[in-house]
Amino acid sequence: MKLISTKIPDLLLIEPKVLGDDRGFFFESFNKREFSQKTGFSFSFVQDNHSRSSQGVLRGLHYQVKQPQGKLVRVVRGVIFDVAVDLRPSSPTFKHWEGLELSEKNHHQLWIPPGFAHGFMVLSENAEVLYKTTDYYAPEYERTILWNDPTLQIQWPQGYEVQLSEKDKKGLLFSEAMKETVT
């Protein structure tokens, strides 16, 4: 496993060692000991989630104000533009975002620590996304920041017809969302 730094400390792109030949490929998608040794983070994952979405679907920007979830995200089919926004008020990168392409071909994974909002847009015809979380989903604590918030100025890929859920259409502006802090 190779760690690739991003513009935001603690947000890491992970490139697994993929063994492949004309029959296909194999890679270890997670190894707790190696992850802890290389990152210095020691988290237990408690939940695995799997989503399937069609092209243009944009999910997010989601986070939990209590029970914040760290996420290890990967794509098993298709291509997504994955975004994480730093919501940690004491962080020097508070309000900063990073967007990276994850795909079934590059096998990259994104480690998103607790205290970040997360979202993604599907770029391929469809995509299946798997992610592990460090805490349980708690709908009473879940919040959504509007995907196109003018304060954040996320540069989503162009040329796609954005499809949002009703919940995501009602996302809050960043300034309103930050009135309730993440703990």
N, C-alpha and C. Protein backbone atom coordinates (compact mmCIF):
# COMPACT_ATOMS: atom_id res chain seq x y z
N MET A 1 0.84 -1.17 0.00
CA MET A 1 0.00 0.00 0.00
C MET A 1 0.89 1.24 0.00
N LYS A 2 0.57 2.15 -0.90
CA LYS A 2 1.32 3.41 -1.01
C LYS A 2 0.39 4.55 -0.60
N LEU A 3 0.86 5.44 0.27
CA LEU A 3 0.09 6.60 0.70
C LEU A 3 0.50 7.81 -0.13
N ILE A 4 -0.49 8.53 -0.64
CA ILE A 4 -0.25 9.73 -1.43
C ILE A 4 -0.89 10.90 -0.70
N SER A 5 -0.07 11.89 -0.35
CA SER A 5 -0.57 13.06 0.37
C SER A 5 -1.48 13.88 -0.52
N THR A 6 -2.42 14.57 0.12
CA THR A 6 -3.29 15.51 -0.58
C THR A 6 -3.01 16.91 -0.03
N LYS A 7 -3.75 17.90 -0.52
CA LYS A 7 -3.59 19.27 -0.03
C LYS A 7 -4.02 19.41 1.42
N ILE A 8 -4.80 18.45 1.91
CA ILE A 8 -5.31 18.50 3.28
C ILE A 8 -4.64 17.41 4.10
N PRO A 9 -3.87 17.79 5.13
CA PRO A 9 -3.25 16.77 5.99
C PRO A 9 -4.32 15.83 6.56
N ASP A 10 -3.97 14.61 6.74
CA ASP A 10 -4.83 13.54 7.26
C ASP A 10 -5.76 12.94 6.20
N LEU A 11 -6.05 13.66 5.11
CA LEU A 11 -6.85 13.13 4.01
C LEU A 11 -5.87 12.46 3.06
N LEU A 12 -5.99 11.15 2.91
CA LEU A 12 -4.97 10.38 2.19
C LEU A 12 -5.54 9.58 1.03
N LEU A 13 -4.85 9.63 -0.08
CA LEU A 13 -5.15 8.76 -1.21
C LEU A 13 -4.31 7.51 -1.02
N ILE A 14 -4.94 6.37 -1.11
CA ILE A 14 -4.26 5.09 -0.90
C ILE A 14 -4.22 4.32 -2.21
N GLU A 15 -3.02 3.93 -2.58
CA GLU A 15 -2.81 3.15 -3.80
C GLU A 15 -2.39 1.74 -3.38
N PRO A 16 -3.30 0.77 -3.50
CA PRO A 16 -2.93 -0.58 -3.08
C PRO A 16 -2.02 -1.25 -4.10
N LYS A 17 -1.30 -2.24 -3.64
CA LYS A 17 -0.47 -3.04 -4.54
C LYS A 17 -1.40 -4.04 -5.23
N VAL A 18 -1.52 -3.91 -6.54
CA VAL A 18 -2.41 -4.76 -7.33
C VAL A 18 -1.57 -5.78 -8.08
N LEU A 19 -1.89 -7.04 -7.91
CA LEU A 19 -1.23 -8.13 -8.63
C LEU A 19 -2.17 -8.57 -9.75
N GLY A 20 -1.68 -8.51 -10.98
CA GLY A 20 -2.55 -8.85 -12.09
C GLY A 20 -1.83 -9.58 -13.19
N ASP A 21 -2.60 -10.32 -13.95
CA ASP A 21 -2.12 -10.99 -15.16
C ASP A 21 -3.30 -11.13 -16.10
N ASP A 22 -3.15 -11.96 -17.14
CA ASP A 22 -4.22 -12.08 -18.14
C ASP A 22 -5.49 -12.72 -17.58
N ARG A 23 -5.42 -13.28 -16.38
CA ARG A 23 -6.61 -13.87 -15.75
C ARG A 23 -7.44 -12.86 -14.98
N GLY A 24 -6.81 -11.73 -14.61
CA GLY A 24 -7.51 -10.73 -13.79
C GLY A 24 -6.55 -10.09 -12.81
N PHE A 25 -7.03 -9.78 -11.62
CA PHE A 25 -6.19 -9.13 -10.62
C PHE A 25 -6.59 -9.57 -9.22
N PHE A 26 -5.71 -9.24 -8.27
CA PHE A 26 -5.95 -9.44 -6.85
C PHE A 26 -5.28 -8.30 -6.10
N PHE A 27 -5.97 -7.78 -5.08
CA PHE A 27 -5.31 -6.86 -4.16
C PHE A 27 -6.00 -6.92 -2.81
N GLU A 28 -5.22 -6.61 -1.81
CA GLU A 28 -5.74 -6.55 -0.45
C GLU A 28 -6.34 -5.16 -0.28
N SER A 29 -7.66 -5.09 -0.11
CA SER A 29 -8.31 -3.77 -0.04
C SER A 29 -8.19 -3.13 1.33
N PHE A 30 -7.94 -3.92 2.37
CA PHE A 30 -7.73 -3.33 3.69
C PHE A 30 -6.98 -4.31 4.58
N ASN A 31 -6.01 -3.77 5.30
CA ASN A 31 -5.26 -4.52 6.30
C ASN A 31 -5.07 -3.57 7.48
N LYS A 32 -5.74 -3.85 8.58
CA LYS A 32 -5.75 -2.93 9.72
C LYS A 32 -4.34 -2.64 10.24
N ARG A 33 -3.52 -3.67 10.38
CA ARG A 33 -2.16 -3.48 10.90
C ARG A 33 -1.35 -2.55 9.99
N GLU A 34 -1.36 -2.82 8.68
CA GLU A 34 -0.60 -1.99 7.75
C GLU A 34 -1.15 -0.57 7.70
N PHE A 35 -2.46 -0.43 7.69
CA PHE A 35 -3.09 0.88 7.67
C PHE A 35 -2.64 1.70 8.89
N SER A 36 -2.71 1.10 10.07
CA SER A 36 -2.31 1.79 11.31
C SER A 36 -0.83 2.15 11.31
N GLN A 37 0.01 1.21 10.87
CA GLN A 37 1.46 1.46 10.84
C GLN A 37 1.82 2.59 9.89
N LYS A 38 1.21 2.61 8.71
CA LYS A 38 1.59 3.60 7.70
C LYS A 38 0.95 4.96 7.91
N THR A 39 -0.24 5.00 8.48
CA THR A 39 -0.93 6.28 8.64
C THR A 39 -0.77 6.86 10.04
N GLY A 40 -0.51 6.02 11.02
CA GLY A 40 -0.49 6.48 12.41
C GLY A 40 -1.88 6.58 13.00
N PHE A 41 -2.91 6.23 12.23
CA PHE A 41 -4.29 6.25 12.70
C PHE A 41 -4.69 4.85 13.13
N SER A 42 -5.37 4.78 14.24
CA SER A 42 -5.83 3.48 14.73
C SER A 42 -7.34 3.54 14.92
N PHE A 43 -8.07 3.17 13.89
CA PHE A 43 -9.52 3.18 13.93
C PHE A 43 -10.04 1.77 13.70
N SER A 44 -11.17 1.50 14.25
CA SER A 44 -11.88 0.27 13.93
C SER A 44 -13.05 0.64 13.03
N PHE A 45 -13.23 -0.13 12.00
CA PHE A 45 -14.38 0.09 11.13
C PHE A 45 -15.55 -0.73 11.66
N VAL A 46 -16.73 -0.11 11.70
CA VAL A 46 -17.90 -0.76 12.29
C VAL A 46 -19.02 -1.01 11.28
N GLN A 47 -18.89 -0.44 10.09
CA GLN A 47 -19.97 -0.55 9.12
C GLN A 47 -19.40 -0.48 7.71
N ASP A 48 -19.91 -1.30 6.81
CA ASP A 48 -19.58 -1.23 5.39
C ASP A 48 -20.83 -0.80 4.63
N ASN A 49 -20.67 0.12 3.69
CA ASN A 49 -21.79 0.60 2.87
C ASN A 49 -21.46 0.38 1.40
N HIS A 50 -22.50 0.15 0.61
CA HIS A 50 -22.36 -0.11 -0.81
C HIS A 50 -23.46 0.67 -1.52
N SER A 51 -23.08 1.53 -2.46
CA SER A 51 -24.09 2.26 -3.23
C SER A 51 -23.86 2.03 -4.72
N ARG A 52 -24.96 2.08 -5.46
CA ARG A 52 -24.90 2.01 -6.92
C ARG A 52 -25.67 3.21 -7.43
N SER A 53 -25.07 3.93 -8.37
CA SER A 53 -25.67 5.15 -8.89
C SER A 53 -25.39 5.26 -10.38
N SER A 54 -26.25 5.99 -11.07
CA SER A 54 -26.06 6.20 -12.50
C SER A 54 -25.33 7.52 -12.75
N GLN A 55 -24.91 7.70 -13.98
CA GLN A 55 -24.12 8.88 -14.37
C GLN A 55 -24.84 10.18 -13.99
N GLY A 56 -24.07 11.10 -13.43
CA GLY A 56 -24.61 12.39 -13.03
C GLY A 56 -25.16 12.45 -11.62
N VAL A 57 -25.36 11.27 -11.01
CA VAL A 57 -25.85 11.28 -9.63
C VAL A 57 -24.77 11.89 -8.75
N LEU A 58 -25.20 12.83 -7.93
CA LEU A 58 -24.30 13.47 -6.98
C LEU A 58 -24.87 13.21 -5.59
N ARG A 59 -24.09 12.56 -4.76
CA ARG A 59 -24.49 12.25 -3.39
C ARG A 59 -23.66 13.11 -2.44
N GLY A 60 -24.32 13.85 -1.58
CA GLY A 60 -23.59 14.64 -0.59
C GLY A 60 -23.91 16.11 -0.69
N LEU A 61 -23.26 16.79 0.10
CA LEU A 61 -22.11 16.58 0.97
C LEU A 61 -22.62 16.21 2.36
N HIS A 62 -22.38 14.99 2.79
CA HIS A 62 -22.94 14.46 4.03
C HIS A 62 -21.90 14.42 5.15
N TYR A 63 -22.39 14.58 6.36
CA TYR A 63 -21.57 14.44 7.57
C TYR A 63 -22.51 14.25 8.75
N GLN A 64 -21.95 13.89 9.89
CA GLN A 64 -22.73 13.74 11.11
C GLN A 64 -22.18 14.69 12.17
N VAL A 65 -23.08 15.45 12.84
CA VAL A 65 -22.64 16.41 13.85
C VAL A 65 -22.21 15.72 15.14
N LYS A 66 -22.76 14.57 15.43
CA LYS A 66 -22.30 13.71 16.53
C LYS A 66 -22.04 12.36 15.88
N GLN A 67 -21.15 11.60 16.50
CA GLN A 67 -20.72 10.33 15.91
C GLN A 67 -20.14 10.54 14.51
N PRO A 68 -19.22 11.52 14.35
CA PRO A 68 -18.63 11.73 13.02
C PRO A 68 -17.95 10.46 12.52
N GLN A 69 -18.08 10.23 11.25
CA GLN A 69 -17.57 9.00 10.65
C GLN A 69 -16.30 9.27 9.84
N GLY A 70 -15.25 8.50 10.13
CA GLY A 70 -14.14 8.39 9.20
C GLY A 70 -14.58 7.41 8.13
N LYS A 71 -14.13 7.60 6.90
CA LYS A 71 -14.54 6.73 5.80
C LYS A 71 -13.34 6.31 4.96
N LEU A 72 -13.34 5.07 4.56
CA LEU A 72 -12.38 4.55 3.60
C LEU A 72 -13.19 4.18 2.36
N VAL A 73 -13.03 4.97 1.30
CA VAL A 73 -13.90 4.90 0.12
C VAL A 73 -13.15 4.28 -1.05
N ARG A 74 -13.85 3.39 -1.78
CA ARG A 74 -13.28 2.84 -3.01
C ARG A 74 -14.40 2.54 -4.01
N VAL A 75 -14.03 2.45 -5.27
CA VAL A 75 -14.98 2.18 -6.35
C VAL A 75 -14.71 0.78 -6.88
N VAL A 76 -15.76 -0.03 -6.98
CA VAL A 76 -15.60 -1.38 -7.53
C VAL A 76 -16.12 -1.48 -8.97
N ARG A 77 -16.90 -0.49 -9.38
CA ARG A 77 -17.35 -0.44 -10.77
C ARG A 77 -17.55 1.01 -11.16
N GLY A 78 -16.94 1.41 -12.28
CA GLY A 78 -17.14 2.76 -12.78
C GLY A 78 -16.12 3.76 -12.29
N VAL A 79 -16.51 5.05 -12.39
CA VAL A 79 -15.62 6.17 -12.06
C VAL A 79 -16.43 7.23 -11.32
N ILE A 80 -15.85 7.77 -10.25
CA ILE A 80 -16.48 8.87 -9.53
C ILE A 80 -15.48 10.00 -9.30
N PHE A 81 -16.00 11.18 -9.07
CA PHE A 81 -15.22 12.30 -8.57
C PHE A 81 -15.61 12.41 -7.10
N ASP A 82 -14.67 12.10 -6.22
CA ASP A 82 -14.93 12.01 -4.78
C ASP A 82 -14.43 13.28 -4.10
N VAL A 83 -15.24 13.85 -3.22
CA VAL A 83 -14.93 15.13 -2.58
C VAL A 83 -15.02 15.01 -1.07
N ALA A 84 -14.04 15.58 -0.38
CA ALA A 84 -14.06 15.69 1.07
C ALA A 84 -13.81 17.16 1.44
N VAL A 85 -14.59 17.66 2.41
CA VAL A 85 -14.49 19.04 2.88
C VAL A 85 -14.14 19.03 4.36
N ASP A 86 -13.10 19.74 4.73
CA ASP A 86 -12.66 19.81 6.12
C ASP A 86 -13.61 20.69 6.93
N LEU A 87 -14.30 20.08 7.90
CA LEU A 87 -15.24 20.80 8.76
C LEU A 87 -14.69 21.02 10.17
N ARG A 88 -13.41 20.75 10.36
CA ARG A 88 -12.81 20.88 11.68
C ARG A 88 -12.42 22.34 11.90
N PRO A 89 -13.17 23.09 12.74
CA PRO A 89 -12.92 24.53 12.91
C PRO A 89 -11.49 24.87 13.35
N SER A 90 -10.85 23.99 14.10
CA SER A 90 -9.49 24.28 14.57
C SER A 90 -8.41 23.89 13.56
N SER A 91 -8.80 23.33 12.44
CA SER A 91 -7.85 22.88 11.44
C SER A 91 -7.38 24.04 10.55
N PRO A 92 -6.09 24.07 10.19
CA PRO A 92 -5.62 25.11 9.27
C PRO A 92 -6.24 24.98 7.87
N THR A 93 -6.85 23.82 7.58
CA THR A 93 -7.49 23.63 6.27
C THR A 93 -9.02 23.62 6.39
N PHE A 94 -9.53 24.21 7.47
CA PHE A 94 -10.98 24.36 7.65
C PHE A 94 -11.57 25.02 6.41
N LYS A 95 -12.66 24.46 5.88
CA LYS A 95 -13.37 24.93 4.67
C LYS A 95 -12.69 24.52 3.37
N HIS A 96 -11.52 23.93 3.43
CA HIS A 96 -10.85 23.50 2.20
C HIS A 96 -11.45 22.17 1.75
N TRP A 97 -11.39 21.92 0.47
CA TRP A 97 -11.90 20.67 -0.09
C TRP A 97 -10.85 20.06 -1.01
N GLU A 98 -11.00 18.79 -1.21
CA GLU A 98 -10.15 18.04 -2.15
C GLU A 98 -11.08 17.15 -2.97
N GLY A 99 -10.83 17.12 -4.27
CA GLY A 99 -11.60 16.25 -5.16
C GLY A 99 -10.66 15.36 -5.94
N LEU A 100 -10.94 14.06 -5.92
CA LEU A 100 -10.07 13.08 -6.59
C LEU A 100 -10.91 12.08 -7.35
N GLU A 101 -10.35 11.57 -8.43
CA GLU A 101 -11.04 10.55 -9.21
C GLU A 101 -10.68 9.17 -8.67
N LEU A 102 -11.71 8.41 -8.34
CA LEU A 102 -11.56 7.02 -7.92
C LEU A 102 -12.25 6.16 -8.97
N SER A 103 -11.63 5.04 -9.31
CA SER A 103 -12.24 4.20 -10.35
C SER A 103 -11.91 2.72 -10.13
N GLU A 104 -12.65 1.90 -10.85
CA GLU A 104 -12.37 0.46 -10.80
C GLU A 104 -11.02 0.15 -11.43
N LYS A 105 -10.53 1.02 -12.30
CA LYS A 105 -9.25 0.76 -12.96
C LYS A 105 -8.06 1.19 -12.12
N ASN A 106 -8.16 2.35 -11.42
CA ASN A 106 -7.00 2.78 -10.65
C ASN A 106 -6.96 2.15 -9.25
N HIS A 107 -8.06 1.58 -8.79
CA HIS A 107 -8.14 0.89 -7.49
C HIS A 107 -7.80 1.80 -6.31
N HIS A 108 -7.71 3.10 -6.52
CA HIS A 108 -7.38 4.01 -5.43
C HIS A 108 -8.49 4.05 -4.40
N GLN A 109 -8.09 4.33 -3.17
CA GLN A 109 -9.03 4.49 -2.08
C GLN A 109 -8.75 5.84 -1.44
N LEU A 110 -9.78 6.43 -0.84
CA LEU A 110 -9.60 7.70 -0.15
C LEU A 110 -9.94 7.51 1.32
N TRP A 111 -8.97 7.86 2.19
CA TRP A 111 -9.20 7.86 3.64
C TRP A 111 -9.66 9.26 4.01
N ILE A 112 -10.89 9.34 4.52
CA ILE A 112 -11.48 10.61 4.95
C ILE A 112 -11.66 10.52 6.46
N PRO A 113 -10.89 11.28 7.23
CA PRO A 113 -10.99 11.20 8.68
C PRO A 113 -12.31 11.74 9.21
N PRO A 114 -12.67 11.41 10.45
CA PRO A 114 -13.85 12.03 11.07
C PRO A 114 -13.68 13.55 11.05
N GLY A 115 -14.80 14.26 10.87
CA GLY A 115 -14.75 15.72 10.85
C GLY A 115 -14.78 16.31 9.46
N PHE A 116 -15.07 15.49 8.46
CA PHE A 116 -15.16 15.94 7.07
C PHE A 116 -16.57 15.68 6.53
N ALA A 117 -17.00 16.54 5.62
CA ALA A 117 -18.19 16.24 4.82
C ALA A 117 -17.71 15.47 3.60
N HIS A 118 -18.57 14.60 3.08
CA HIS A 118 -18.18 13.74 1.95
C HIS A 118 -19.29 13.72 0.90
N GLY A 119 -18.87 13.71 -0.35
CA GLY A 119 -19.81 13.57 -1.45
C GLY A 119 -19.09 13.06 -2.68
N PHE A 120 -19.86 12.60 -3.65
CA PHE A 120 -19.25 12.18 -4.91
C PHE A 120 -20.23 12.33 -6.06
N MET A 121 -19.67 12.45 -7.27
CA MET A 121 -20.44 12.51 -8.50
C MET A 121 -20.01 11.35 -9.40
N VAL A 122 -20.99 10.67 -9.98
CA VAL A 122 -20.70 9.55 -10.87
C VAL A 122 -20.40 10.06 -12.27
N LEU A 123 -19.22 9.69 -12.78
CA LEU A 123 -18.78 10.13 -14.11
C LEU A 123 -19.01 9.08 -15.19
N SER A 124 -19.03 7.82 -14.82
CA SER A 124 -19.25 6.73 -15.77
C SER A 124 -20.74 6.46 -15.93
N GLU A 125 -21.09 5.54 -16.80
CA GLU A 125 -22.51 5.21 -17.02
C GLU A 125 -23.20 4.85 -15.70
N ASN A 126 -22.50 4.12 -14.85
CA ASN A 126 -22.95 3.86 -13.48
C ASN A 126 -21.71 3.55 -12.66
N ALA A 127 -21.88 3.55 -11.36
CA ALA A 127 -20.75 3.27 -10.47
C ALA A 127 -21.24 2.60 -9.20
N GLU A 128 -20.39 1.72 -8.69
CA GLU A 128 -20.66 1.10 -7.39
C GLU A 128 -19.53 1.51 -6.47
N VAL A 129 -19.92 2.06 -5.32
CA VAL A 129 -18.98 2.60 -4.35
C VAL A 129 -19.13 1.82 -3.04
N LEU A 130 -17.99 1.40 -2.50
CA LEU A 130 -17.96 0.75 -1.20
C LEU A 130 -17.20 1.64 -0.24
N TYR A 131 -17.71 1.77 0.98
CA TYR A 131 -16.93 2.49 1.97
C TYR A 131 -17.18 1.95 3.36
N LYS A 132 -16.08 1.92 4.10
CA LYS A 132 -16.08 1.50 5.49
C LYS A 132 -16.21 2.76 6.34
N THR A 133 -16.89 2.65 7.51
CA THR A 133 -17.01 3.80 8.39
C THR A 133 -16.53 3.45 9.80
N THR A 134 -16.03 4.48 10.49
CA THR A 134 -15.51 4.29 11.84
C THR A 134 -16.58 4.45 12.92
N ASP A 135 -17.76 4.90 12.53
CA ASP A 135 -18.89 4.97 13.47
C ASP A 135 -20.15 4.64 12.70
N TYR A 136 -21.20 4.34 13.44
CA TYR A 136 -22.44 3.92 12.83
C TYR A 136 -23.21 5.11 12.23
N TYR A 137 -23.98 4.81 11.21
CA TYR A 137 -24.87 5.81 10.64
C TYR A 137 -25.90 6.20 11.69
N ALA A 138 -26.06 7.49 11.90
CA ALA A 138 -27.02 8.01 12.88
C ALA A 138 -27.86 9.08 12.18
N PRO A 139 -29.01 8.69 11.63
CA PRO A 139 -29.80 9.65 10.85
C PRO A 139 -30.17 10.92 11.61
N GLU A 140 -30.32 10.82 12.93
CA GLU A 140 -30.68 12.01 13.71
C GLU A 140 -29.54 13.04 13.76
N TYR A 141 -28.31 12.61 13.47
CA TYR A 141 -27.16 13.51 13.48
C TYR A 141 -26.65 13.84 12.07
N GLU A 142 -27.24 13.23 11.07
CA GLU A 142 -26.77 13.46 9.70
C GLU A 142 -27.19 14.85 9.23
N ARG A 143 -26.26 15.51 8.54
CA ARG A 143 -26.53 16.82 7.96
C ARG A 143 -25.98 16.82 6.53
N THR A 144 -26.47 17.78 5.75
CA THR A 144 -26.05 17.90 4.35
C THR A 144 -25.73 19.36 4.05
N ILE A 145 -24.57 19.58 3.46
CA ILE A 145 -24.20 20.89 2.94
C ILE A 145 -24.51 20.88 1.45
N LEU A 146 -25.06 21.97 0.96
CA LEU A 146 -25.41 22.08 -0.44
C LEU A 146 -24.18 21.84 -1.32
N TRP A 147 -24.32 20.98 -2.29
CA TRP A 147 -23.20 20.54 -3.13
C TRP A 147 -22.53 21.69 -3.88
N ASN A 148 -23.31 22.72 -4.22
CA ASN A 148 -22.75 23.83 -5.00
C ASN A 148 -22.66 25.11 -4.16
N ASP A 149 -22.39 24.96 -2.88
CA ASP A 149 -22.28 26.10 -1.98
C ASP A 149 -21.26 27.11 -2.51
N PRO A 150 -21.63 28.39 -2.59
CA PRO A 150 -20.71 29.39 -3.15
C PRO A 150 -19.48 29.66 -2.28
N THR A 151 -19.57 29.42 -0.98
CA THR A 151 -18.41 29.62 -0.11
C THR A 151 -17.32 28.60 -0.41
N LEU A 152 -17.72 27.35 -0.61
CA LEU A 152 -16.76 26.26 -0.84
C LEU A 152 -16.18 26.27 -2.25
N GLN A 153 -16.98 26.67 -3.22
CA GLN A 153 -16.56 26.73 -4.62
C GLN A 153 -15.93 25.43 -5.11
N ILE A 154 -16.60 24.32 -4.83
CA ILE A 154 -16.10 23.02 -5.31
C ILE A 154 -16.20 22.99 -6.83
N GLN A 155 -15.15 22.58 -7.46
CA GLN A 155 -15.10 22.52 -8.92
C GLN A 155 -15.48 21.11 -9.39
N TRP A 156 -16.78 20.87 -9.40
CA TRP A 156 -17.29 19.58 -9.85
C TRP A 156 -17.04 19.45 -11.36
N PRO A 157 -16.86 18.23 -11.85
CA PRO A 157 -16.71 18.04 -13.30
C PRO A 157 -17.91 18.60 -14.06
N GLN A 158 -17.64 19.17 -15.21
CA GLN A 158 -18.69 19.78 -16.04
C GLN A 158 -19.15 18.79 -17.11
N GLY A 159 -20.31 19.08 -17.70
CA GLY A 159 -20.83 18.28 -18.80
C GLY A 159 -21.71 17.13 -18.36
N TYR A 160 -22.14 17.14 -17.11
CA TYR A 160 -23.02 16.08 -16.58
C TYR A 160 -24.32 16.72 -16.11
N GLU A 161 -25.41 16.01 -16.33
CA GLU A 161 -26.69 16.45 -15.80
C GLU A 161 -26.77 15.98 -14.35
N VAL A 162 -26.62 16.90 -13.41
CA VAL A 162 -26.57 16.56 -11.99
C VAL A 162 -27.94 16.06 -11.52
N GLN A 163 -27.92 14.90 -10.87
CA GLN A 163 -29.13 14.31 -10.30
C GLN A 163 -28.95 14.24 -8.78
N LEU A 164 -29.89 14.85 -8.05
CA LEU A 164 -29.81 14.91 -6.59
C LEU A 164 -31.02 14.26 -5.95
N SER A 165 -30.83 13.71 -4.77
CA SER A 165 -31.97 13.23 -3.98
C SER A 165 -32.69 14.45 -3.41
N GLU A 166 -33.90 14.25 -2.93
CA GLU A 166 -34.64 15.35 -2.30
C GLU A 166 -33.87 15.87 -1.10
N LYS A 167 -33.28 14.97 -0.31
CA LYS A 167 -32.50 15.37 0.86
C LYS A 167 -31.33 16.26 0.44
N ASP A 168 -30.62 15.89 -0.61
CA ASP A 168 -29.45 16.66 -1.03
C ASP A 168 -29.83 18.00 -1.65
N LYS A 169 -31.01 18.07 -2.28
CA LYS A 169 -31.50 19.35 -2.82
C LYS A 169 -31.75 20.35 -1.70
N LYS A 170 -32.06 19.84 -0.50
CA LYS A 170 -32.36 20.70 0.65
C LYS A 170 -31.14 20.95 1.53
N GLY A 171 -29.95 20.65 1.02
CA GLY A 171 -28.73 20.87 1.79
C GLY A 171 -28.61 22.32 2.23
N LEU A 172 -27.94 22.53 3.35
CA LEU A 172 -27.75 23.88 3.89
C LEU A 172 -26.53 24.54 3.25
N LEU A 173 -26.56 25.86 3.25
CA LEU A 173 -25.36 26.60 2.89
C LEU A 173 -24.32 26.36 3.97
N PHE A 174 -23.06 26.42 3.61
CA PHE A 174 -21.98 26.16 4.55
C PHE A 174 -22.10 27.04 5.79
N SER A 175 -22.38 28.32 5.61
CA SER A 175 -22.48 29.25 6.75
C SER A 175 -23.58 28.83 7.72
N GLU A 176 -24.70 28.32 7.22
CA GLU A 176 -25.78 27.85 8.08
C GLU A 176 -25.41 26.53 8.74
N ALA A 177 -24.80 25.65 7.98
CA ALA A 177 -24.44 24.33 8.50
C ALA A 177 -23.44 24.45 9.65
N MET A 178 -22.52 25.40 9.57
CA MET A 178 -21.48 25.51 10.59
C MET A 178 -21.93 26.15 11.90
N LYS A 179 -23.21 26.54 11.97
CA LYS A 179 -23.77 27.04 13.23
C LYS A 179 -23.90 25.90 14.24
N GLU A 180 -23.93 24.67 13.72
CA GLU A 180 -23.98 23.48 14.56
C GLU A 180 -22.66 22.75 14.35
N THR A 181 -21.83 22.69 15.37
CA THR A 181 -20.49 22.14 15.21
C THR A 181 -20.47 20.62 15.25
N VAL A 182 -19.45 20.08 14.60
CA VAL A 182 -19.23 18.63 14.58
C VAL A 182 -18.49 18.27 15.87
N THR A 183 -19.04 17.28 16.61
CA THR A 183 -18.37 16.83 17.84
C THR A 183 -18.16 15.34 17.83
